[in-house]
PDB file of N, CA and C in Angstrom:
ATOM      1  N   MET A   1       3.333   5.893-114.223  1.00  0.00           N
ATOM      2  CA  MET A   1       1.930   6.240-114.143  1.00  0.00           C
ATOM      3  C   MET A   1       1.671   6.864-112.776  1.00  0.00           C
ATOM      4  N   SER A   2       1.016   7.980-112.760  1.00  0.00           N
ATOM      5  CA  SER A   2       0.778   8.686-111.502  1.00  0.00           C
ATOM      6  C   SER A   2      -0.385   8.047-110.737  1.00  0.00           C
ATOM      7  N   PHE A   3      -0.468   8.400-109.462  1.00  0.00           N
ATOM      8  CA  PHE A   3      -1.489   7.846-108.579  1.00  0.00           C
ATOM      9  C   PHE A   3      -2.894   8.236-109.017  1.00  0.00           C
ATOM     10  N   VAL A   4      -3.061   9.477-109.457  1.00  0.00           N
ATOM     11  CA  VAL A   4      -4.378   9.956-109.887  1.00  0.00           C
ATOM     12  C   VAL A   4      -4.836   9.228-111.139  1.00  0.00           C
ATOM     13  N   SER A   5      -3.924   8.975-112.066  1.00  0.00           N
ATOM     14  CA  SER A   5      -4.311   8.263-113.288  1.00  0.00           C
ATOM     15  C   SER A   5      -4.638   6.805-112.986  1.00  0.00           C
ATOM     16  N   LYS A   6      -3.994   6.214-111.974  1.00  0.00           N
ATOM     17  CA  LYS A   6      -4.348   4.854-111.565  1.00  0.00           C
ATOM     18  C   LYS A   6      -5.740   4.811-110.963  1.00  0.00           C
ATOM     19  N   LEU A   7      -6.110   5.854-110.214  1.00  0.00           N
ATOM     20  CA  LEU A   7      -7.445   5.905-109.619  1.00  0.00           C
ATOM     21  C   LEU A   7      -8.536   5.983-110.678  1.00  0.00           C
ATOM     22  N   LYS A   8      -8.225   6.623-111.795  1.00  0.00           N
ATOM     23  CA  LYS A   8      -9.224   6.744-112.859  1.00  0.00           C
ATOM     24  C   LYS A   8      -9.495   5.407-113.530  1.00  0.00           C
ATOM     25  N   THR A   9      -8.505   4.508-113.547  1.00  0.00           N
ATOM     26  CA  THR A   9      -8.685   3.216-114.206  1.00  0.00           C
ATOM     27  C   THR A   9      -9.255   2.152-113.268  1.00  0.00           C
ATOM     28  N   VAL A  10      -9.258   2.425-111.973  1.00  0.00           N
ATOM     29  CA  VAL A  10      -9.772   1.460-110.994  1.00  0.00           C
ATOM     30  C   VAL A  10     -11.292   1.526-110.963  1.00  0.00           C
ATOM     31  N   GLY A  11     -11.926   0.363-110.902  1.00  0.00           N
ATOM     32  CA  GLY A  11     -13.380   0.310-110.845  1.00  0.00           C
ATOM     33  C   GLY A  11     -13.907   0.591-109.450  1.00  0.00           C
ATOM     34  N   ILE A  12     -15.196   0.798-109.373  1.00  0.00           N
ATOM     35  CA  ILE A  12     -15.836   1.124-108.103  1.00  0.00           C
ATOM     36  C   ILE A  12     -15.783  -0.056-107.136  1.00  0.00           C
ATOM     37  N   LYS A  13     -15.797  -1.289-107.657  1.00  0.00           N
ATOM     38  CA  LYS A  13     -15.729  -2.462-106.784  1.00  0.00           C
ATOM     39  C   LYS A  13     -14.374  -2.576-106.107  1.00  0.00           C
ATOM     40  N   THR A  14     -13.350  -2.116-106.758  1.00  0.00           N
ATOM     41  CA  THR A  14     -12.020  -2.145-106.169  1.00  0.00           C
ATOM     42  C   THR A  14     -11.822  -0.992-105.203  1.00  0.00           C
ATOM     43  N   LEU A  15     -12.420   0.138-105.505  1.00  0.00           N
ATOM     44  CA  LEU A  15     -12.233   1.335-104.698  1.00  0.00           C
ATOM     45  C   LEU A  15     -13.127   1.366-103.456  1.00  0.00           C
ATOM     46  N   ALA A  16     -14.274   0.697-103.490  1.00  0.00           N
ATOM     47  CA  ALA A  16     -15.243   0.764-102.389  1.00  0.00           C
ATOM     48  C   ALA A  16     -14.695   0.294-101.042  1.00  0.00           C
ATOM     49  N   PRO A  17     -13.984  -0.840-100.957  1.00  0.00           N
ATOM     50  CA  PRO A  17     -13.458  -1.229 -99.637  1.00  0.00           C
ATOM     51  C   PRO A  17     -12.451  -0.227 -99.077  1.00  0.00           C
ATOM     52  N   ALA A  18     -11.600   0.320 -99.925  1.00  0.00           N
ATOM     53  CA  ALA A  18     -10.627   1.311 -99.454  1.00  0.00           C
ATOM     54  C   ALA A  18     -11.335   2.569 -98.965  1.00  0.00           C
ATOM     55  N   VAL A  19     -12.372   2.986 -99.679  1.00  0.00           N
ATOM     56  CA  VAL A  19     -13.136   4.162 -99.255  1.00  0.00           C
ATOM     57  C   VAL A  19     -13.848   3.872 -97.928  1.00  0.00           C
ATOM     58  N   PHE A  20     -14.407   2.673 -97.790  1.00  0.00           N
ATOM     59  CA  PHE A  20     -15.086   2.308 -96.536  1.00  0.00           C
ATOM     60  C   PHE A  20     -14.137   2.408 -95.351  1.00  0.00           C
ATOM     61  N   TYR A  21     -12.974   1.763 -95.455  1.00  0.00           N
ATOM     62  CA  TYR A  21     -12.036   1.783 -94.334  1.00  0.00           C
ATOM     63  C   TYR A  21     -11.479   3.186 -94.095  1.00  0.00           C
ATOM     64  N   GLY A  22     -11.255   3.951 -95.144  1.00  0.00           N
ATOM     65  CA  GLY A  22     -10.772   5.316 -94.973  1.00  0.00           C
ATOM     66  C   GLY A  22     -11.791   6.204 -94.285  1.00  0.00           C
ATOM     67  N   VAL A  23     -13.043   6.114 -94.700  1.00  0.00           N
ATOM     68  CA  VAL A  23     -14.106   6.925 -94.091  1.00  0.00           C
ATOM     69  C   VAL A  23     -14.325   6.519 -92.637  1.00  0.00           C
ATOM     70  N   VAL A  24     -14.325   5.217 -92.363  1.00  0.00           N
ATOM     71  CA  VAL A  24     -14.500   4.755 -90.985  1.00  0.00           C
ATOM     72  C   VAL A  24     -13.352   5.253 -90.111  1.00  0.00           C
ATOM     73  N   GLY A  25     -12.130   5.197 -90.626  1.00  0.00           N
ATOM     74  CA  GLY A  25     -10.989   5.694 -89.866  1.00  0.00           C
ATOM     75  C   GLY A  25     -11.094   7.168 -89.557  1.00  0.00           C
ATOM     76  N   ILE A  26     -11.512   7.947 -90.528  1.00  0.00           N
ATOM     77  CA  ILE A  26     -11.671   9.388 -90.309  1.00  0.00           C
ATOM     78  C   ILE A  26     -12.797   9.669 -89.315  1.00  0.00           C
ATOM     79  N   ILE A  27     -13.898   8.938 -89.428  1.00  0.00           N
ATOM     80  CA  ILE A  27     -15.008   9.128 -88.489  1.00  0.00           C
ATOM     81  C   ILE A  27     -14.579   8.780 -87.066  1.00  0.00           C
ATOM     82  N   LEU A  28     -13.861   7.670 -86.908  1.00  0.00           N
ATOM     83  CA  LEU A  28     -13.422   7.283 -85.563  1.00  0.00           C
ATOM     84  C   LEU A  28     -12.459   8.311 -84.973  1.00  0.00           C
ATOM     85  N   LEU A  29     -11.559   8.831 -85.782  1.00  0.00           N
ATOM     86  CA  LEU A  29     -10.634   9.841 -85.276  1.00  0.00           C
ATOM     87  C   LEU A  29     -11.342  11.162 -84.997  1.00  0.00           C
ATOM     88  N   THR A  30     -12.394  11.461 -85.743  1.00  0.00           N
ATOM     89  CA  THR A  30     -13.160  12.675 -85.504  1.00  0.00           C
ATOM     90  C   THR A  30     -13.972  12.577 -84.214  1.00  0.00           C
ATOM     91  N   LEU A  31     -14.431  11.380 -83.881  1.00  0.00           N
ATOM     92  CA  LEU A  31     -15.238  11.181 -82.677  1.00  0.00           C
ATOM     93  C   LEU A  31     -14.414  11.109 -81.392  1.00  0.00           C
ATOM     94  N   LEU A  32     -13.096  11.142 -81.488  1.00  0.00           N
ATOM     95  CA  LEU A  32     -12.259  11.043 -80.292  1.00  0.00           C
ATOM     96  C   LEU A  32     -12.570  12.097 -79.235  1.00  0.00           C
ATOM     97  N   PRO A  33     -12.664  13.390 -79.580  1.00  0.00           N
ATOM     98  CA  PRO A  33     -12.948  14.372 -78.531  1.00  0.00           C
ATOM     99  C   PRO A  33     -14.312  14.170 -77.862  1.00  0.00           C
ATOM    100  N   LEU A  34     -15.281  13.672 -78.607  1.00  0.00           N
ATOM    101  CA  LEU A  34     -16.606  13.452 -78.028  1.00  0.00           C
ATOM    102  C   LEU A  34     -16.634  12.280 -77.053  1.00  0.00           C
ATOM    103  N   ALA A  35     -15.697  11.341 -77.223  1.00  0.00           N
ATOM    104  CA  ALA A  35     -15.664  10.156 -76.371  1.00  0.00           C
ATOM    105  C   ALA A  35     -14.576  10.242 -75.300  1.00  0.00           C
ATOM    106  N   ASN A  36     -14.016  11.427 -75.076  1.00  0.00           N
ATOM    107  CA  ASN A  36     -12.967  11.651 -74.071  1.00  0.00           C
ATOM    108  C   ASN A  36     -11.673  10.903 -74.375  1.00  0.00           C
ATOM    109  N   PHE A  37     -11.334  10.799 -75.646  1.00  0.00           N
ATOM    110  CA  PHE A  37     -10.062  10.276 -76.136  1.00  0.00           C
ATOM    111  C   PHE A  37      -9.714   8.865 -75.656  1.00  0.00           C
ATOM    112  N   PRO A  38     -10.585   7.882 -75.885  1.00  0.00           N
ATOM    113  CA  PRO A  38     -10.206   6.508 -75.529  1.00  0.00           C
ATOM    114  C   PRO A  38      -9.181   5.973 -76.533  1.00  0.00           C
ATOM    115  N   PRO A  39      -8.132   5.305 -76.070  1.00  0.00           N
ATOM    116  CA  PRO A  39      -7.079   4.868 -76.985  1.00  0.00           C
ATOM    117  C   PRO A  39      -7.527   3.795 -77.977  1.00  0.00           C
ATOM    118  N   HIS A  40      -8.484   2.955 -77.613  1.00  0.00           N
ATOM    119  CA  HIS A  40      -8.914   1.907 -78.542  1.00  0.00           C
ATOM    120  C   HIS A  40      -9.639   2.484 -79.758  1.00  0.00           C
ATOM    121  N   ILE A  41     -10.340   3.580 -79.591  1.00  0.00           N
ATOM    122  CA  ILE A  41     -10.997   4.229 -80.742  1.00  0.00           C
ATOM    123  C   ILE A  41      -9.941   4.824 -81.664  1.00  0.00           C
ATOM    124  N   ALA A  42      -8.929   5.448 -81.087  1.00  0.00           N
ATOM    125  CA  ALA A  42      -7.856   6.039 -81.893  1.00  0.00           C
ATOM    126  C   ALA A  42      -7.084   4.967 -82.656  1.00  0.00           C
ATOM    127  N   LEU A  43      -6.750   3.866 -81.979  1.00  0.00           N
ATOM    128  CA  LEU A  43      -6.011   2.795 -82.648  1.00  0.00           C
ATOM    129  C   LEU A  43      -6.835   2.133 -83.745  1.00  0.00           C
ATOM    130  N   THR A  44      -8.124   1.969 -83.511  1.00  0.00           N
ATOM    131  CA  THR A  44      -8.991   1.396 -84.541  1.00  0.00           C
ATOM    132  C   THR A  44      -9.093   2.328 -85.742  1.00  0.00           C
ATOM    133  N   GLY A  45      -9.177   3.627 -85.495  1.00  0.00           N
ATOM    134  CA  GLY A  45      -9.223   4.595 -86.588  1.00  0.00           C
ATOM    135  C   GLY A  45      -7.940   4.610 -87.396  1.00  0.00           C
ATOM    136  N   ILE A  46      -6.801   4.592 -86.718  1.00  0.00           N
ATOM    137  CA  ILE A  46      -5.516   4.580 -87.418  1.00  0.00           C
ATOM    138  C   ILE A  46      -5.336   3.276 -88.187  1.00  0.00           C
ATOM    139  N   LEU A  47      -5.708   2.159 -87.587  1.00  0.00           N
ATOM    140  CA  LEU A  47      -5.617   0.866 -88.258  1.00  0.00           C
ATOM    141  C   LEU A  47      -6.520   0.815 -89.487  1.00  0.00           C
ATOM    142  N   SER A  48      -7.682   1.443 -89.411  1.00  0.00           N
ATOM    143  CA  SER A  48      -8.588   1.479 -90.565  1.00  0.00           C
ATOM    144  C   SER A  48      -8.004   2.303 -91.703  1.00  0.00           C
ATOM    145  N   ILE A  49      -7.363   3.409 -91.381  1.00  0.00           N
ATOM    146  CA  ILE A  49      -6.755   4.235 -92.426  1.00  0.00           C
ATOM    147  C   ILE A  49      -5.572   3.508 -93.069  1.00  0.00           C
ATOM    148  N   ILE A  50      -4.776   2.821 -92.274  1.00  0.00           N
ATOM    149  CA  ILE A  50      -3.663   2.050 -92.829  1.00  0.00           C
ATOM    150  C   ILE A  50      -4.189   0.909 -93.697  1.00  0.00           C
ATOM    151  N   THR A  51      -5.293   0.293 -93.282  1.00  0.00           N
ATOM    152  CA  THR A  51      -5.909  -0.766 -94.078  1.00  0.00           C
ATOM    153  C   THR A  51      -6.404  -0.220 -95.419  1.00  0.00           C
ATOM    154  N   ALA A  52      -7.001   0.958 -95.403  1.00  0.00           N
ATOM    155  CA  ALA A  52      -7.463   1.579 -96.656  1.00  0.00           C
ATOM    156  C   ALA A  52      -6.293   1.812 -97.595  1.00  0.00           C
ATOM    157  N   TYR A  53      -5.173   2.283 -97.059  1.00  0.00           N
ATOM    158  CA  TYR A  53      -3.982   2.489 -97.882  1.00  0.00           C
ATOM    159  C   TYR A  53      -3.486   1.167 -98.459  1.00  0.00           C
ATOM    160  N   GLY A  54      -3.437   0.128 -97.631  1.00  0.00           N
ATOM    161  CA  GLY A  54      -2.967  -1.174 -98.095  1.00  0.00           C
ATOM    162  C   GLY A  54      -3.849  -1.772 -99.177  1.00  0.00           C
ATOM    163  N   ILE A  55      -5.146  -1.596 -99.040  1.00  0.00           N
ATOM    164  CA  ILE A  55      -6.069  -2.104-100.065  1.00  0.00           C
ATOM    165  C   ILE A  55      -5.908  -1.315-101.356  1.00  0.00           C
ATOM    166  N   LEU A  56      -5.795  -0.013-101.225  1.00  0.00           N
ATOM    167  CA  LEU A  56      -5.685   0.843-102.408  1.00  0.00           C
ATOM    168  C   LEU A  56      -4.392   0.578-103.172  1.00  0.00           C
ATOM    169  N   LYS A  57      -3.303   0.367-102.463  1.00  0.00           N
ATOM    170  CA  LYS A  57      -2.014   0.112-103.099  1.00  0.00           C
ATOM    171  C   LYS A  57      -1.760  -1.367-103.354  1.00  0.00           C
ATOM    172  N   LYS A  58      -2.721  -2.225-103.005  1.00  0.00           N
ATOM    173  CA  LYS A  58      -2.651  -3.673-103.216  1.00  0.00           C
ATOM    174  C   LYS A  58      -1.409  -4.280-102.580  1.00  0.00           C
ATOM    175  N   ARG A  59      -1.201  -3.962-101.314  1.00  0.00           N
ATOM    176  CA  ARG A  59      -0.076  -4.514-100.562  1.00  0.00           C
ATOM    177  C   ARG A  59      -0.414  -5.919-100.088  1.00  0.00           C
ATOM    178  N   PHE A  60       0.613  -6.751 -99.941  1.00  0.00           N
ATOM    179  CA  PHE A  60       0.389  -8.140 -99.540  1.00  0.00           C
ATOM    180  C   PHE A  60      -0.124  -8.255 -98.113  1.00  0.00           C
ATOM    181  N   TRP A  61       0.180  -7.286 -97.262  1.00  0.00           N
ATOM    182  CA  TRP A  61      -0.230  -7.324 -95.866  1.00  0.00           C
ATOM    183  C   TRP A  61      -1.632  -6.770 -95.637  1.00  0.00           C
ATOM    184  N   ALA A  62      -2.272  -6.279 -96.669  1.00  0.00           N
ATOM    185  CA  ALA A  62      -3.599  -5.670 -96.509  1.00  0.00           C
ATOM    186  C   ALA A  62      -4.633  -6.687 -96.033  1.00  0.00           C
ATOM    187  N   LEU A  63      -4.538  -7.923 -96.506  1.00  0.00           N
ATOM    188  CA  LEU A  63      -5.496  -8.950 -96.088  1.00  0.00           C
ATOM    189  C   LEU A  63      -5.391  -9.216 -94.590  1.00  0.00           C
ATOM    190  N   TRP A  64      -4.178  -9.218 -94.066  1.00  0.00           N
ATOM    191  CA  TRP A  64      -3.999  -9.437 -92.629  1.00  0.00           C
ATOM    192  C   TRP A  64      -4.593  -8.283 -91.823  1.00  0.00           C
ATOM    193  N   LEU A  65      -4.432  -7.076 -92.311  1.00  0.00           N
ATOM    194  CA  LEU A  65      -5.032  -5.935 -91.614  1.00  0.00           C
ATOM    195  C   LEU A  65      -6.549  -5.962 -91.700  1.00  0.00           C
ATOM    196  N   VAL A  66      -7.085  -6.413 -92.824  1.00  0.00           N
ATOM    197  CA  VAL A  66      -8.540  -6.530 -92.961  1.00  0.00           C
ATOM    198  C   VAL A  66      -9.081  -7.506 -91.918  1.00  0.00           C
ATOM    199  N   VAL A  67      -8.393  -8.625 -91.727  1.00  0.00           N
ATOM    200  CA  VAL A  67      -8.823  -9.609 -90.732  1.00  0.00           C
ATOM    201  C   VAL A  67      -8.701  -9.023 -89.324  1.00  0.00           C
ATOM    202  N   ALA A  68      -7.621  -8.286 -89.059  1.00  0.00           N
ATOM    203  CA  ALA A  68      -7.446  -7.661 -87.744  1.00  0.00           C
ATOM    204  C   ALA A  68      -8.529  -6.615 -87.481  1.00  0.00           C
ATOM    205  N   VAL A  69      -8.811  -5.780 -88.482  1.00  0.00           N
ATOM    206  CA  VAL A  69      -9.857  -4.761 -88.320  1.00  0.00           C
ATOM    207  C   VAL A  69     -11.222  -5.421 -88.170  1.00  0.00           C
ATOM    208  N   PHE A  70     -11.431  -6.534 -88.853  1.00  0.00           N
ATOM    209  CA  PHE A  70     -12.681  -7.284 -88.713  1.00  0.00           C
ATOM    210  C   PHE A  70     -12.884  -7.720 -87.254  1.00  0.00           C
ATOM    211  N   ALA A  71     -11.844  -8.283 -86.659  1.00  0.00           N
ATOM    212  CA  ALA A  71     -11.954  -8.739 -85.271  1.00  0.00           C
ATOM    213  C   ALA A  71     -12.164  -7.567 -84.315  1.00  0.00           C
ATOM    214  N   VAL A  72     -11.407  -6.508 -84.506  1.00  0.00           N
ATOM    215  CA  VAL A  72     -11.515  -5.352 -83.611  1.00  0.00           C
ATOM    216  C   VAL A  72     -12.865  -4.657 -83.785  1.00  0.00           C
ATOM    217  N   ALA A  73     -13.297  -4.469 -85.019  1.00  0.00           N
ATOM    218  CA  ALA A  73     -14.562  -3.773 -85.275  1.00  0.00           C
ATOM    219  C   ALA A  73     -15.752  -4.582 -84.768  1.00  0.00           C
ATOM    220  N   THR A  74     -15.705  -5.887 -84.943  1.00  0.00           N
ATOM    221  CA  THR A  74     -16.794  -6.728 -84.450  1.00  0.00           C
ATOM    222  C   THR A  74     -16.864  -6.667 -82.924  1.00  0.00           C
ATOM    223  N   THR A  75     -15.713  -6.778 -82.287  1.00  0.00           N
ATOM    224  CA  THR A  75     -15.684  -6.706 -80.825  1.00  0.00           C
ATOM    225  C   THR A  75     -16.159  -5.350 -80.322  1.00  0.00           C
ATOM    226  N   LEU A  76     -15.645  -4.291 -80.940  1.00  0.00           N
ATOM    227  CA  LEU A  76     -16.012  -2.934 -80.530  1.00  0.00           C
ATOM    228  C   LEU A  76     -17.503  -2.666 -80.716  1.00  0.00           C
ATOM    229  N   SER A  77     -18.037  -3.027 -81.858  1.00  0.00           N
ATOM    230  CA  SER A  77     -19.434  -2.716 -82.125  1.00  0.00           C
ATOM    231  C   SER A  77     -20.380  -3.573 -81.288  1.00  0.00           C
ATOM    232  N   LEU A  78     -20.093  -4.855 -81.146  1.00  0.00           N
ATOM    233  CA  LEU A  78     -20.985  -5.703 -80.359  1.00  0.00           C
ATOM    234  C   LEU A  78     -20.886  -5.411 -78.863  1.00  0.00           C
ATOM    235  N   TYR A  79     -19.703  -5.060 -78.384  1.00  0.00           N
ATOM    236  CA  TYR A  79     -19.568  -4.669 -76.974  1.00  0.00           C
ATOM    237  C   TYR A  79     -20.329  -3.373 -76.706  1.00  0.00           C
ATOM    238  N   THR A  80     -20.152  -2.396 -77.590  1.00  0.00           N
ATOM    239  CA  THR A  80     -20.874  -1.127 -77.429  1.00  0.00           C
ATOM    240  C   THR A  80     -22.379  -1.354 -77.500  1.00  0.00           C
ATOM    241  N   LEU A  81     -22.799  -2.207 -78.401  1.00  0.00           N
ATOM    242  CA  LEU A  81     -24.224  -2.510 -78.523  1.00  0.00           C
ATOM    243  C   LEU A  81     -24.759  -3.197 -77.274  1.00  0.00           C
ATOM    244  N   SER A  82     -23.962  -4.075 -76.671  1.00  0.00           N
ATOM    245  CA  SER A  82     -24.444  -4.753 -75.463  1.00  0.00           C
ATOM    246  C   SER A  82     -24.485  -3.813 -74.256  1.00  0.00           C
ATOM    247  N   ILE A  83     -23.589  -2.843 -74.211  1.00  0.00           N
ATOM    248  CA  ILE A  83     -23.574  -1.899 -73.095  1.00  0.00           C
ATOM    249  C   ILE A  83     -24.673  -0.847 -73.257  1.00  0.00           C
ATOM    250  N   VAL A  84     -24.707  -0.242 -74.441  1.00  0.00           N
ATOM    251  CA  VAL A  84     -25.673   0.837 -74.681  1.00  0.00           C
ATOM    252  C   VAL A  84     -27.053   0.265 -74.926  1.00  0.00           C
ATOM    253  N   GLY A  85     -27.098  -0.901 -75.577  1.00  0.00           N
ATOM    254  CA  GLY A  85     -28.385  -1.477 -75.940  1.00  0.00           C
ATOM    255  C   GLY A  85     -29.092  -0.545 -76.909  1.00  0.00           C
ATOM    256  N   PHE A  86     -30.358  -0.397 -76.702  1.00  0.00           N
ATOM    257  CA  PHE A  86     -31.097   0.535 -77.541  1.00  0.00           C
ATOM    258  C   PHE A  86     -31.634   1.693 -76.707  1.00  0.00           C
ATOM    259  N   THR A  87     -30.935   2.013 -75.604  1.00  0.00           N
ATOM    260  CA  THR A  87     -31.302   3.208 -74.854  1.00  0.00           C
ATOM    261  C   THR A  87     -30.963   4.452 -75.660  1.00  0.00           C
ATOM    262  N   ASN A  88     -29.891   4.381 -76.440  1.00  0.00           N
ATOM    263  CA  ASN A  88     -29.542   5.433 -77.378  1.00  0.00           C
ATOM    264  C   ASN A  88     -29.643   4.819 -78.768  1.00  0.00           C
ATOM    265  N   TRP A  89     -30.745   5.031 -79.437  1.00  0.00           N
ATOM    266  CA  TRP A  89     -31.014   4.324 -80.691  1.00  0.00           C
ATOM    267  C   TRP A  89     -30.069   4.744 -81.807  1.00  0.00           C
ATOM    268  N   ILE A  90     -29.505   5.939 -81.758  1.00  0.00           N
ATOM    269  CA  ILE A  90     -28.557   6.357 -82.793  1.00  0.00           C
ATOM    270  C   ILE A  90     -27.277   5.540 -82.684  1.00  0.00           C
ATOM    271  N   VAL A  91     -26.776   5.389 -81.468  1.00  0.00           N
ATOM    272  CA  VAL A  91     -25.558   4.600 -81.257  1.00  0.00           C
ATOM    273  C   VAL A  91     -25.827   3.136 -81.575  1.00  0.00           C
ATOM    274  N   GLY A  92     -26.953   2.614 -81.141  1.00  0.00           N
ATOM    275  CA  GLY A  92     -27.288   1.218 -81.406  1.00  0.00           C
ATOM    276  C   GLY A  92     -27.400   0.912 -82.884  1.00  0.00           C
ATOM    277  N   THR A  93     -28.086   1.761 -83.600  1.00  0.00           N
ATOM    278  CA  THR A  93     -28.248   1.557 -85.039  1.00  0.00           C
ATOM    279  C   THR A  93     -26.916   1.705 -85.768  1.00  0.00           C
ATOM    280  N   SER A  94     -26.126   2.697 -85.380  1.00  0.00           N
ATOM    281  CA  SER A  94     -24.846   2.892 -86.063  1.00  0.00           C
ATOM    282  C   SER A  94     -23.890   1.732 -85.796  1.00  0.00           C
ATOM    283  N   MET A  95     -23.944   1.134 -84.611  1.00  0.00           N
ATOM    284  CA  MET A  95     -23.080  -0.014 -84.321  1.00  0.00           C
ATOM    285  C   MET A  95     -23.507  -1.243 -85.119  1.00  0.00           C
ATOM    286  N   ILE A  96     -24.807  -1.423 -85.300  1.00  0.00           N
ATOM    287  CA  ILE A  96     -25.281  -2.536 -86.130  1.00  0.00           C
ATOM    288  C   ILE A  96     -24.853  -2.341 -87.572  1.00  0.00           C
ATOM    289  N   VAL A  97     -25.016  -1.140 -88.091  1.00  0.00           N
ATOM    290  CA  VAL A  97     -24.613  -0.846 -89.476  1.00  0.00           C
ATOM    291  C   VAL A  97     -23.104  -1.014 -89.643  1.00  0.00           C
ATOM    292  N   TYR A  98     -22.335  -0.533 -88.674  1.00  0.00           N
ATOM    293  CA  TYR A  98     -20.876  -0.660 -88.730  1.00  0.00           C
ATOM    294  C   TYR A  98     -20.454  -2.125 -88.728  1.00  0.00           C
ATOM    295  N   ALA A  99     -21.057  -2.939 -87.873  1.00  0.00           N
ATOM    296  CA  ALA A  99     -20.707  -4.364 -87.821  1.00  0.00           C
ATOM    297  C   ALA A  99     -21.065  -5.070 -89.121  1.00  0.00           C
ATOM    298  N   VAL A 100     -22.255  -4.824 -89.631  1.00  0.00           N
ATOM    299  CA  VAL A 100     -22.694  -5.505 -90.853  1.00  0.00           C
ATOM    300  C   VAL A 100     -21.838  -5.082 -92.050  1.00  0.00           C
ATOM    301  N   LEU A 101     -21.559  -3.795 -92.180  1.00  0.00           N
ATOM    302  CA  LEU A 101     -20.718  -3.338 -93.288  1.00  0.00           C
ATOM    303  C   LEU A 101     -19.296  -3.884 -93.176  1.00  0.00           C
ATOM    304  N   THR A 102     -18.780  -3.978 -91.976  1.00  0.00           N
ATOM    305  CA  THR A 102     -17.448  -4.562 -91.791  1.00  0.00           C
ATOM    306  C   THR A 102     -17.435  -6.024 -92.201  1.00  0.00           C
ATOM    307  N   TRP A 103     -18.469  -6.767 -91.830  1.00  0.00           N
ATOM    308  CA  TRP A 103     -18.547  -8.172 -92.216  1.00  0.00           C
ATOM    309  C   TRP A 103     -18.649  -8.321 -93.729  1.00  0.00           C
ATOM    310  N   LEU A 104     -19.479  -7.496 -94.370  1.00  0.00           N
ATOM    311  CA  LEU A 104     -19.648  -7.597 -95.819  1.00  0.00           C
ATOM    312  C   LEU A 104     -18.378  -7.226 -96.577  1.00  0.00           C
ATOM    313  N   VAL A 105     -17.717  -6.164 -96.156  1.00  0.00           N
ATOM    314  CA  VAL A 105     -16.489  -5.745 -96.837  1.00  0.00           C
ATOM    315  C   VAL A 105     -15.389  -6.782 -96.622  1.00  0.00           C
ATOM    316  N   THR A 106     -15.297  -7.348 -95.433  1.00  0.00           N
ATOM    317  CA  THR A 106     -14.296  -8.386 -95.179  1.00  0.00           C
ATOM    318  C   THR A 106     -14.576  -9.617 -96.031  1.00  0.00           C
ATOM    319  N   LEU A 107     -15.820 -10.017 -96.107  1.00  0.00           N
ATOM    320  CA  LEU A 107     -16.186 -11.160 -96.942  1.00  0.00           C
ATOM    321  C   LEU A 107     -15.848 -10.897 -98.406  1.00  0.00           C
ATOM    322  N   TYR A 108     -16.128  -9.703 -98.882  1.00  0.00           N
ATOM    323  CA  TYR A 108     -15.816  -9.351-100.267  1.00  0.00           C
ATOM    324  C   TYR A 108     -14.311  -9.421-100.535  1.00  0.00           C
ATOM    325  N   ILE A 109     -13.511  -8.882 -99.623  1.00  0.00           N
ATOM    326  CA  ILE A 109     -12.068  -8.863 -99.838  1.00  0.00           C
ATOM    327  C   ILE A 109     -11.490 -10.270 -99.773  1.00  0.00           C
ATOM    328  N   VAL A 110     -11.959 -11.085 -98.843  1.00  0.00           N
ATOM    329  CA  VAL A 110     -11.446 -12.448 -98.729  1.00  0.00           C
ATOM    330  C   VAL A 110     -11.836 -13.274 -99.952  1.00  0.00           C
ATOM    331  N   LEU A 111     -13.050 -13.116-100.449  1.00  0.00           N
ATOM    332  CA  LEU A 111     -13.480 -13.873-101.628  1.00  0.00           C
ATOM    333  C   LEU A 111     -12.821 -13.370-102.915  1.00  0.00           C
ATOM    334  N   LYS A 112     -12.487 -12.089-102.946  1.00  0.00           N
ATOM    335  CA  LYS A 112     -11.865 -11.507-104.140  1.00  0.00           C
ATOM    336  C   LYS A 112     -10.389 -11.874-104.248  1.00  0.00           C
ATOM    337  N   ARG A 113      -9.776 -12.218-103.131  1.00  0.00           N
ATOM    338  CA  ARG A 113      -8.347 -12.533-103.114  1.00  0.00           C
ATOM    339  C   ARG A 113      -8.054 -13.750-103.978  1.00  0.00           C
ATOM    340  N   LYS A 114      -6.999 -13.635-104.749  1.00  0.00           N
ATOM    341  CA  LYS A 114      -6.587 -14.762-105.596  1.00  0.00           C
ATOM    342  C   LYS A 114      -5.862 -15.788-104.735  1.00  0.00           C
ATOM    343  N   PRO A 115      -5.959 -17.077-105.075  1.00  0.00           N
ATOM    344  CA  PRO A 115      -5.298 -18.100-104.272  1.00  0.00           C
ATOM    345  C   PRO A 115      -3.776 -17.946-104.216  1.00  0.00           C
ATOM    346  N   SER A 116      -3.172 -17.322-105.207  1.00  0.00           N
ATOM    347  CA  SER A 116      -1.720 -17.155-105.207  1.00  0.00           C
ATOM    348  C   SER A 116      -1.257 -16.070-104.265  1.00  0.00           C
ATOM    349  N   GLU A 117      -2.180 -15.169-103.863  1.00  0.00           N
ATOM    350  CA  GLU A 117      -1.813 -14.083-102.958  1.00  0.00           C
ATOM    351  C   GLU A 117      -1.726 -14.625-101.538  1.00  0.00           C
ATOM    352  N   ALA A 118      -0.823 -14.059-100.769  1.00  0.00           N
ATOM    353  CA  ALA A 118      -0.703 -14.500 -99.379  1.00  0.00           C
ATOM    354  C   ALA A 118      -1.147 -13.417 -98.435  1.00  0.00           C
TER     355      ALA A 118
END
């Protein structure tokens, strides 16, 4: 069975977390030139794309990457929010949305995991 035909049979609830992490990874990598190429943004973007792949292919290590991205994304967004505050409301709002969506997607993936999976 080809990859495209597998995507057609997958529901939106299964595909949404992979799309979230993939889009976030692409956005973070796209923002690198605007932020003067900080390595933590690049690593978070690459880790998010790898997490999207792991979720999409249902790899056993995907849950560990989701937890790692959860910790990194929470730290990154809350630190940025504490530094920038609401002096730049676009950055502040986007960091709040990023943190909340990361928490919700992580909660969904952890609750969806079967007890037999490691």
